[in-house]
Amino acid sequence: MKSSLRPALVLLTFTVLFSAGCATRTTPSGGKETSLLGGALTVATNSFQPPAATTAAVDTTKLAGQGNPSGAKTTLLWGLITLHDY
């Protein structure tokens, strides 16, 4: 019984995730912000705002060592993890 229910549950989960939609908006700084999977993944350009205090922020300029920050910000899992380049 459980093995026949598993494919239906997986299909339902993927359907809900991929039908959640996406949205793109222009930020006040002139960049773009795109949300995918109902906000589970957000990508922003020209976003030099500091990350929220409730997120695990990772500064990619310190990891990759690039000299010129681009202002790119990627937020995963509704703000739980933030990767930023500034």
PDB file of N, CA and C in Angstrom:
ATOM      1  N   MET A   1       0.822  -1.191   0.000  1.00  0.00           N
ATOM      2  CA  MET A   1       0.000   0.000   0.000  1.00  0.00           C
ATOM      3  C   MET A   1       0.863   1.250   0.000  1.00  0.00           C
ATOM      4  N   LYS A   2       1.918   1.284   0.843  1.00  0.00           N
ATOM      5  CA  LYS A   2       2.769   2.460   0.916  1.00  0.00           C
ATOM      6  C   LYS A   2       3.545   2.674  -0.374  1.00  0.00           C
ATOM      7  N   SER A   3       3.978   1.598  -1.034  1.00  0.00           N
ATOM      8  CA  SER A   3       4.775   1.744  -2.255  1.00  0.00           C
ATOM      9  C   SER A   3       3.942   2.308  -3.408  1.00  0.00           C
ATOM     10  N   SER A   4       2.653   2.063  -3.441  1.00  0.00           N
ATOM     11  CA  SER A   4       1.815   2.619  -4.503  1.00  0.00           C
ATOM     12  C   SER A   4       1.455   4.081  -4.233  1.00  0.00           C
ATOM     13  N   LEU A   5       1.554   4.515  -3.009  1.00  0.00           N
ATOM     14  CA  LEU A   5       1.243   5.894  -2.641  1.00  0.00           C
ATOM     15  C   LEU A   5       2.434   6.834  -2.846  1.00  0.00           C
ATOM     16  N   ARG A   6       3.621   6.308  -2.793  1.00  0.00           N
ATOM     17  CA  ARG A   6       4.832   7.126  -2.892  1.00  0.00           C
ATOM     18  C   ARG A   6       4.949   7.880  -4.226  1.00  0.00           C
ATOM     19  N   PRO A   7       4.767   7.254  -5.409  1.00  0.00           N
ATOM     20  CA  PRO A   7       4.871   8.016  -6.664  1.00  0.00           C
ATOM     21  C   PRO A   7       3.827   9.136  -6.758  1.00  0.00           C
ATOM     22  N   ALA A   8       2.653   8.902  -6.253  1.00  0.00           N
ATOM     23  CA  ALA A   8       1.616   9.939  -6.286  1.00  0.00           C
ATOM     24  C   ALA A   8       1.995  11.109  -5.391  1.00  0.00           C
ATOM     25  N   LEU A   9       2.588  10.815  -4.246  1.00  0.00           N
ATOM     26  CA  LEU A   9       3.019  11.862  -3.329  1.00  0.00           C
ATOM     27  C   LEU A   9       4.175  12.676  -3.922  1.00  0.00           C
ATOM     28  N   VAL A  10       5.119  12.015  -4.568  1.00  0.00           N
ATOM     29  CA  VAL A  10       6.233  12.709  -5.229  1.00  0.00           C
ATOM     30  C   VAL A  10       5.705  13.582  -6.359  1.00  0.00           C
ATOM     31  N   LEU A  11       4.802  13.084  -7.153  1.00  0.00           N
ATOM     32  CA  LEU A  11       4.218  13.854  -8.251  1.00  0.00           C
ATOM     33  C   LEU A  11       3.455  15.068  -7.725  1.00  0.00           C
ATOM     34  N   LEU A  12       2.721  14.890  -6.668  1.00  0.00           N
ATOM     35  CA  LEU A  12       1.988  15.997  -6.063  1.00  0.00           C
ATOM     36  C   LEU A  12       2.938  17.061  -5.520  1.00  0.00           C
ATOM     37  N   THR A  13       4.020  16.641  -4.892  1.00  0.00           N
ATOM     38  CA  THR A  13       5.001  17.584  -4.353  1.00  0.00           C
ATOM     39  C   THR A  13       5.639  18.400  -5.467  1.00  0.00           C
ATOM     40  N   PHE A  14       6.079  17.760  -6.539  1.00  0.00           N
ATOM     41  CA  PHE A  14       6.680  18.482  -7.656  1.00  0.00           C
ATOM     42  C   PHE A  14       5.679  19.398  -8.343  1.00  0.00           C
ATOM     43  N   THR A  15       4.448  18.975  -8.446  1.00  0.00           N
ATOM     44  CA  THR A  15       3.413  19.816  -9.068  1.00  0.00           C
ATOM     45  C   THR A  15       3.185  21.082  -8.251  1.00  0.00           C
ATOM     46  N   VAL A  16       3.117  20.939  -6.947  1.00  0.00           N
ATOM     47  CA  VAL A  16       2.916  22.106  -6.090  1.00  0.00           C
ATOM     48  C   VAL A  16       4.119  23.041  -6.158  1.00  0.00           C
ATOM     49  N   LEU A  17       5.337  22.494  -6.121  1.00  0.00           N
ATOM     50  CA  LEU A  17       6.528  23.335  -6.168  1.00  0.00           C
ATOM     51  C   LEU A  17       6.660  24.090  -7.484  1.00  0.00           C
ATOM     52  N   PHE A  18       6.431  23.417  -8.595  1.00  0.00           N
ATOM     53  CA  PHE A  18       6.636  24.048  -9.892  1.00  0.00           C
ATOM     54  C   PHE A  18       5.449  24.881 -10.360  1.00  0.00           C
ATOM     55  N   SER A  19       4.320  24.741  -9.737  1.00  0.00           N
ATOM     56  CA  SER A  19       3.183  25.591 -10.102  1.00  0.00           C
ATOM     57  C   SER A  19       3.069  26.797  -9.169  1.00  0.00           C
ATOM     58  N   ALA A  20       4.025  26.925  -8.240  1.00  0.00           N
ATOM     59  CA  ALA A  20       3.990  28.042  -7.295  1.00  0.00           C
ATOM     60  C   ALA A  20       4.231  29.372  -7.989  1.00  0.00           C
ATOM     61  N   GLY A  21       4.837  29.341  -9.144  1.00  0.00           N
ATOM     62  CA  GLY A  21       5.006  30.557  -9.924  1.00  0.00           C
ATOM     63  C   GLY A  21       6.292  31.298  -9.626  1.00  0.00           C
ATOM     64  N   CYS A  22       6.446  32.368 -10.385  1.00  0.00           N
ATOM     65  CA  CYS A  22       7.616  33.221 -10.203  1.00  0.00           C
ATOM     66  C   CYS A  22       7.187  34.666 -10.433  1.00  0.00           C
ATOM     67  N   ALA A  23       8.002  35.575  -9.964  1.00  0.00           N
ATOM     68  CA  ALA A  23       7.695  36.997 -10.125  1.00  0.00           C
ATOM     69  C   ALA A  23       8.999  37.765 -10.274  1.00  0.00           C
ATOM     70  N   THR A  24       8.969  38.803 -11.099  1.00  0.00           N
ATOM     71  CA  THR A  24      10.121  39.683 -11.283  1.00  0.00           C
ATOM     72  C   THR A  24       9.680  41.109 -11.048  1.00  0.00           C
ATOM     73  N   ARG A  25      10.514  41.846 -10.318  1.00  0.00           N
ATOM     74  CA  ARG A  25      10.201  43.251 -10.073  1.00  0.00           C
ATOM     75  C   ARG A  25      11.488  44.060 -10.172  1.00  0.00           C
ATOM     76  N   THR A  26      11.323  45.373 -10.372  1.00  0.00           N
ATOM     77  CA  THR A  26      12.453  46.293 -10.387  1.00  0.00           C
ATOM     78  C   THR A  26      12.613  46.887  -8.997  1.00  0.00           C
ATOM     79  N   THR A  27      13.828  46.849  -8.475  1.00  0.00           N
ATOM     80  CA  THR A  27      14.092  47.355  -7.128  1.00  0.00           C
ATOM     81  C   THR A  27      14.333  48.861  -7.177  1.00  0.00           C
ATOM     82  N   PRO A  28      14.237  49.544  -6.041  1.00  0.00           N
ATOM     83  CA  PRO A  28      14.488  50.994  -6.009  1.00  0.00           C
ATOM     84  C   PRO A  28      15.895  51.380  -6.463  1.00  0.00           C
ATOM     85  N   SER A  29      16.861  50.474  -6.324  1.00  0.00           N
ATOM     86  CA  SER A  29      18.234  50.772  -6.746  1.00  0.00           C
ATOM     87  C   SER A  29      18.444  50.562  -8.237  1.00  0.00           C
ATOM     88  N   GLY A  30      17.414  50.140  -8.951  1.00  0.00           N
ATOM     89  CA  GLY A  30      17.503  49.949 -10.390  1.00  0.00           C
ATOM     90  C   GLY A  30      17.805  48.531 -10.815  1.00  0.00           C
ATOM     91  N   GLY A  31      17.950  47.624  -9.884  1.00  0.00           N
ATOM     92  CA  GLY A  31      18.222  46.226 -10.207  1.00  0.00           C
ATOM     93  C   GLY A  31      16.937  45.435 -10.397  1.00  0.00           C
ATOM     94  N   LYS A  32      17.086  44.165 -10.626  1.00  0.00           N
ATOM     95  CA  LYS A  32      15.955  43.250 -10.786  1.00  0.00           C
ATOM     96  C   LYS A  32      15.955  42.232  -9.657  1.00  0.00           C
ATOM     97  N   GLU A  33      14.783  41.844  -9.224  1.00  0.00           N
ATOM     98  CA  GLU A  33      14.627  40.803  -8.216  1.00  0.00           C
ATOM     99  C   GLU A  33      13.644  39.780  -8.739  1.00  0.00           C
ATOM    100  N   THR A  34      14.073  38.525  -8.816  1.00  0.00           N
ATOM    101  CA  THR A  34      13.242  37.448  -9.345  1.00  0.00           C
ATOM    102  C   THR A  34      13.036  36.401  -8.267  1.00  0.00           C
ATOM    103  N   SER A  35      11.779  36.049  -8.024  1.00  0.00           N
ATOM    104  CA  SER A  35      11.418  35.020  -7.054  1.00  0.00           C
ATOM    105  C   SER A  35      10.937  33.781  -7.799  1.00  0.00           C
ATOM    106  N   LEU A  36      11.445  32.627  -7.399  1.00  0.00           N
ATOM    107  CA  LEU A  36      11.051  31.357  -7.997  1.00  0.00           C
ATOM    108  C   LEU A  36      10.531  30.426  -6.909  1.00  0.00           C
ATOM    109  N   LEU A  37       9.706  29.508  -7.288  1.00  0.00           N
ATOM    110  CA  LEU A  37       9.156  28.496  -6.387  1.00  0.00           C
ATOM    111  C   LEU A  37       8.488  29.110  -5.164  1.00  0.00           C
ATOM    112  N   GLY A  38       7.717  30.143  -5.387  1.00  0.00           N
ATOM    113  CA  GLY A  38       6.976  30.774  -4.304  1.00  0.00           C
ATOM    114  C   GLY A  38       7.859  31.483  -3.299  1.00  0.00           C
ATOM    115  N   GLY A  39       9.021  31.933  -3.712  1.00  0.00           N
ATOM    116  CA  GLY A  39       9.931  32.642  -2.821  1.00  0.00           C
ATOM    117  C   GLY A  39      11.006  31.774  -2.203  1.00  0.00           C
ATOM    118  N   ALA A  40      11.024  30.483  -2.523  1.00  0.00           N
ATOM    119  CA  ALA A  40      12.052  29.597  -1.976  1.00  0.00           C
ATOM    120  C   ALA A  40      13.431  29.962  -2.514  1.00  0.00           C
ATOM    121  N   LEU A  41      13.481  30.550  -3.714  1.00  0.00           N
ATOM    122  CA  LEU A  41      14.725  31.008  -4.318  1.00  0.00           C
ATOM    123  C   LEU A  41      14.493  32.410  -4.849  1.00  0.00           C
ATOM    124  N   THR A  42      15.288  33.363  -4.399  1.00  0.00           N
ATOM    125  CA  THR A  42      15.184  34.744  -4.860  1.00  0.00           C
ATOM    126  C   THR A  42      16.562  35.202  -5.309  1.00  0.00           C
ATOM    127  N   VAL A  43      16.622  35.777  -6.522  1.00  0.00           N
ATOM    128  CA  VAL A  43      17.872  36.282  -7.081  1.00  0.00           C
ATOM    129  C   VAL A  43      17.689  37.765  -7.343  1.00  0.00           C
ATOM    130  N   ALA A  44      18.617  38.595  -6.839  1.00  0.00           N
ATOM    131  CA  ALA A  44      18.527  40.042  -7.009  1.00  0.00           C
ATOM    132  C   ALA A  44      19.846  40.583  -7.543  1.00  0.00           C
ATOM    133  N   THR A  45      19.759  41.615  -8.398  1.00  0.00           N
ATOM    134  CA  THR A  45      20.942  42.310  -8.889  1.00  0.00           C
ATOM    135  C   THR A  45      20.929  43.732  -8.350  1.00  0.00           C
ATOM    136  N   ASN A  46      22.094  44.332  -8.236  1.00  0.00           N
ATOM    137  CA  ASN A  46      22.243  45.690  -7.689  1.00  0.00           C
ATOM    138  C   ASN A  46      21.558  45.830  -6.336  1.00  0.00           C
ATOM    139  N   SER A  47      21.693  44.827  -5.507  1.00  0.00           N
ATOM    140  CA  SER A  47      21.077  44.837  -4.185  1.00  0.00           C
ATOM    141  C   SER A  47      22.180  44.968  -3.145  1.00  0.00           C
ATOM    142  N   PHE A  48      22.519  46.189  -2.803  1.00  0.00           N
ATOM    143  CA  PHE A  48      23.594  46.422  -1.852  1.00  0.00           C
ATOM    144  C   PHE A  48      23.069  46.600  -0.427  1.00  0.00           C
ATOM    145  N   GLN A  49      21.855  46.139  -0.155  1.00  0.00           N
ATOM    146  CA  GLN A  49      21.293  46.229   1.188  1.00  0.00           C
ATOM    147  C   GLN A  49      21.893  45.131   2.057  1.00  0.00           C
ATOM    148  N   PRO A  50      22.114  45.406   3.332  1.00  0.00           N
ATOM    149  CA  PRO A  50      22.678  44.373   4.210  1.00  0.00           C
ATOM    150  C   PRO A  50      21.682  43.220   4.391  1.00  0.00           C
ATOM    151  N   PRO A  51      22.192  42.000   4.543  1.00  0.00           N
ATOM    152  CA  PRO A  51      21.286  40.873   4.765  1.00  0.00           C
ATOM    153  C   PRO A  51      20.588  40.995   6.111  1.00  0.00           C
ATOM    154  N   ALA A  52      19.445  40.353   6.221  1.00  0.00           N
ATOM    155  CA  ALA A  52      18.665  40.391   7.464  1.00  0.00           C
ATOM    156  C   ALA A  52      19.439  39.710   8.592  1.00  0.00           C
ATOM    157  N   ALA A  53      19.121  40.090   9.800  1.00  0.00           N
ATOM    158  CA  ALA A  53      19.790  39.519  10.976  1.00  0.00           C
ATOM    159  C   ALA A  53      19.382  38.067  11.214  1.00  0.00           C
ATOM    160  N   THR A  54      18.284  37.642  10.626  1.00  0.00           N
ATOM    161  CA  THR A  54      17.772  36.289  10.862  1.00  0.00           C
ATOM    162  C   THR A  54      18.223  35.294   9.808  1.00  0.00           C
ATOM    163  N   THR A  55      19.205  35.634   8.999  1.00  0.00           N
ATOM    164  CA  THR A  55      19.665  34.756   7.934  1.00  0.00           C
ATOM    165  C   THR A  55      21.111  34.333   8.164  1.00  0.00           C
ATOM    166  N   ALA A  56      21.488  33.216   7.590  1.00  0.00           N
ATOM    167  CA  ALA A  56      22.888  32.795   7.585  1.00  0.00           C
ATOM    168  C   ALA A  56      23.511  33.397   6.336  1.00  0.00           C
ATOM    169  N   ALA A  57      24.191  34.523   6.486  1.00  0.00           N
ATOM    170  CA  ALA A  57      24.719  35.261   5.350  1.00  0.00           C
ATOM    171  C   ALA A  57      26.132  34.792   5.015  1.00  0.00           C
ATOM    172  N   VAL A  58      26.387  34.638   3.707  1.00  0.00           N
ATOM    173  CA  VAL A  58      27.703  34.243   3.214  1.00  0.00           C
ATOM    174  C   VAL A  58      28.134  35.283   2.196  1.00  0.00           C
ATOM    175  N   ASP A  59      29.271  35.927   2.443  1.00  0.00           N
ATOM    176  CA  ASP A  59      29.819  36.925   1.530  1.00  0.00           C
ATOM    177  C   ASP A  59      30.701  36.206   0.517  1.00  0.00           C
ATOM    178  N   THR A  60      30.252  36.109  -0.729  1.00  0.00           N
ATOM    179  CA  THR A  60      30.985  35.352  -1.737  1.00  0.00           C
ATOM    180  C   THR A  60      32.244  36.060  -2.203  1.00  0.00           C
ATOM    181  N   THR A  61      32.385  37.370  -1.962  1.00  0.00           N
ATOM    182  CA  THR A  61      33.626  38.042  -2.339  1.00  0.00           C
ATOM    183  C   THR A  61      34.777  37.561  -1.458  1.00  0.00           C
ATOM    184  N   LYS A  62      34.482  37.156  -0.241  1.00  0.00           N
ATOM    185  CA  LYS A  62      35.528  36.618   0.635  1.00  0.00           C
ATOM    186  C   LYS A  62      35.869  35.174   0.278  1.00  0.00           C
ATOM    187  N   LEU A  63      34.886  34.439  -0.251  1.00  0.00           N
ATOM    188  CA  LEU A  63      35.136  33.051  -0.642  1.00  0.00           C
ATOM    189  C   LEU A  63      35.875  32.961  -1.972  1.00  0.00           C
ATOM    190  N   ALA A  64      35.415  33.730  -2.967  1.00  0.00           N
ATOM    191  CA  ALA A  64      35.991  33.646  -4.309  1.00  0.00           C
ATOM    192  C   ALA A  64      37.135  34.621  -4.513  1.00  0.00           C
ATOM    193  N   GLY A  65      37.203  35.679  -3.731  1.00  0.00           N
ATOM    194  CA  GLY A  65      38.295  36.617  -3.815  1.00  0.00           C
ATOM    195  C   GLY A  65      38.224  37.587  -4.972  1.00  0.00           C
ATOM    196  N   GLN A  66      37.044  37.838  -5.522  1.00  0.00           N
ATOM    197  CA  GLN A  66      36.911  38.817  -6.591  1.00  0.00           C
ATOM    198  C   GLN A  66      36.970  40.216  -6.002  1.00  0.00           C
ATOM    199  N   GLY A  67      37.619  41.151  -6.708  1.00  0.00           N
ATOM    200  CA  GLY A  67      37.809  42.485  -6.183  1.00  0.00           C
ATOM    201  C   GLY A  67      36.622  43.403  -6.327  1.00  0.00           C
ATOM    202  N   ASN A  68      35.850  43.282  -7.392  1.00  0.00           N
ATOM    203  CA  ASN A  68      34.756  44.197  -7.665  1.00  0.00           C
ATOM    204  C   ASN A  68      33.416  43.572  -7.286  1.00  0.00           C
ATOM    205  N   PRO A  69      32.759  44.075  -6.253  1.00  0.00           N
ATOM    206  CA  PRO A  69      31.447  43.523  -5.884  1.00  0.00           C
ATOM    207  C   PRO A  69      30.397  43.886  -6.931  1.00  0.00           C
ATOM    208  N   SER A  70      29.527  42.940  -7.221  1.00  0.00           N
ATOM    209  CA  SER A  70      28.501  43.152  -8.247  1.00  0.00           C
ATOM    210  C   SER A  70      27.153  43.540  -7.655  1.00  0.00           C
ATOM    211  N   GLY A  71      26.945  43.298  -6.377  1.00  0.00           N
ATOM    212  CA  GLY A  71      25.657  43.591  -5.766  1.00  0.00           C
ATOM    213  C   GLY A  71      24.653  42.469  -5.923  1.00  0.00           C
ATOM    214  N   ALA A  72      25.102  41.318  -6.403  1.00  0.00           N
ATOM    215  CA  ALA A  72      24.202  40.180  -6.584  1.00  0.00           C
ATOM    216  C   ALA A  72      23.877  39.552  -5.227  1.00  0.00           C
ATOM    217  N   LYS A  73      22.620  39.144  -5.077  1.00  0.00           N
ATOM    218  CA  LYS A  73      22.187  38.495  -3.836  1.00  0.00           C
ATOM    219  C   LYS A  73      21.264  37.342  -4.192  1.00  0.00           C
ATOM    220  N   THR A  74      21.536  36.175  -3.621  1.00  0.00           N
ATOM    221  CA  THR A  74      20.694  35.000  -3.802  1.00  0.00           C
ATOM    222  C   THR A  74      20.222  34.545  -2.432  1.00  0.00           C
ATOM    223  N   THR A  75      18.918  34.416  -2.291  1.00  0.00           N
ATOM    224  CA  THR A  75      18.323  33.996  -1.028  1.00  0.00           C
ATOM    225  C   THR A  75      17.686  32.631  -1.223  1.00  0.00           C
ATOM    226  N   LEU A  76      18.006  31.705  -0.347  1.00  0.00           N
ATOM    227  CA  LEU A  76      17.481  30.341  -0.424  1.00  0.00           C
ATOM    228  C   LEU A  76      16.562  30.056   0.761  1.00  0.00           C
ATOM    229  N   LEU A  77      15.582  29.226   0.529  1.00  0.00           N
ATOM    230  CA  LEU A  77      14.667  28.745   1.569  1.00  0.00           C
ATOM    231  C   LEU A  77      14.023  29.883   2.351  1.00  0.00           C
ATOM    232  N   TRP A  78      13.435  30.818   1.611  1.00  0.00           N
ATOM    233  CA  TRP A  78      12.666  31.936   2.162  1.00  0.00           C
ATOM    234  C   TRP A  78      13.479  32.791   3.127  1.00  0.00           C
ATOM    235  N   GLY A  79      14.766  32.975   2.827  1.00  0.00           N
ATOM    236  CA  GLY A  79      15.604  33.857   3.626  1.00  0.00           C
ATOM    237  C   GLY A  79      16.445  33.159   4.675  1.00  0.00           C
ATOM    238  N   LEU A  80      16.417  31.857   4.719  1.00  0.00           N
ATOM    239  CA  LEU A  80      17.214  31.139   5.708  1.00  0.00           C
ATOM    240  C   LEU A  80      18.707  31.270   5.408  1.00  0.00           C
ATOM    241  N   ILE A  81      19.066  31.217   4.117  1.00  0.00           N
ATOM    242  CA  ILE A  81      20.451  31.335   3.681  1.00  0.00           C
ATOM    243  C   ILE A  81      20.538  32.447   2.637  1.00  0.00           C
ATOM    244  N   THR A  82      21.505  33.341   2.783  1.00  0.00           N
ATOM    245  CA  THR A  82      21.694  34.432   1.827  1.00  0.00           C
ATOM    246  C   THR A  82      23.132  34.445   1.352  1.00  0.00           C
ATOM    247  N   LEU A  83      23.331  34.368   0.028  1.00  0.00           N
ATOM    248  CA  LEU A  83      24.636  34.505  -0.594  1.00  0.00           C
ATOM    249  C   LEU A  83      24.674  35.878  -1.227  1.00  0.00           C
ATOM    250  N   HIS A  84      25.656  36.709  -0.851  1.00  0.00           N
ATOM    251  CA  HIS A  84      25.698  38.055  -1.414  1.00  0.00           C
ATOM    252  C   HIS A  84      27.117  38.391  -1.863  1.00  0.00           C
ATOM    253  N   ASP A  85      27.205  39.291  -2.827  1.00  0.00           N
ATOM    254  CA  ASP A  85      28.468  39.705  -3.430  1.00  0.00           C
ATOM    255  C   ASP A  85      28.626  41.205  -3.262  1.00  0.00           C
ATOM    256  N   TYR A  86      28.797  41.665  -2.042  1.00  0.00           N
ATOM    257  CA  TYR A  86      29.036  43.084  -1.758  1.00  0.00           C
ATOM    258  C   TYR A  86      29.578  43.249  -0.369  1.00  0.00           C
TER     259      TYR A  86
END
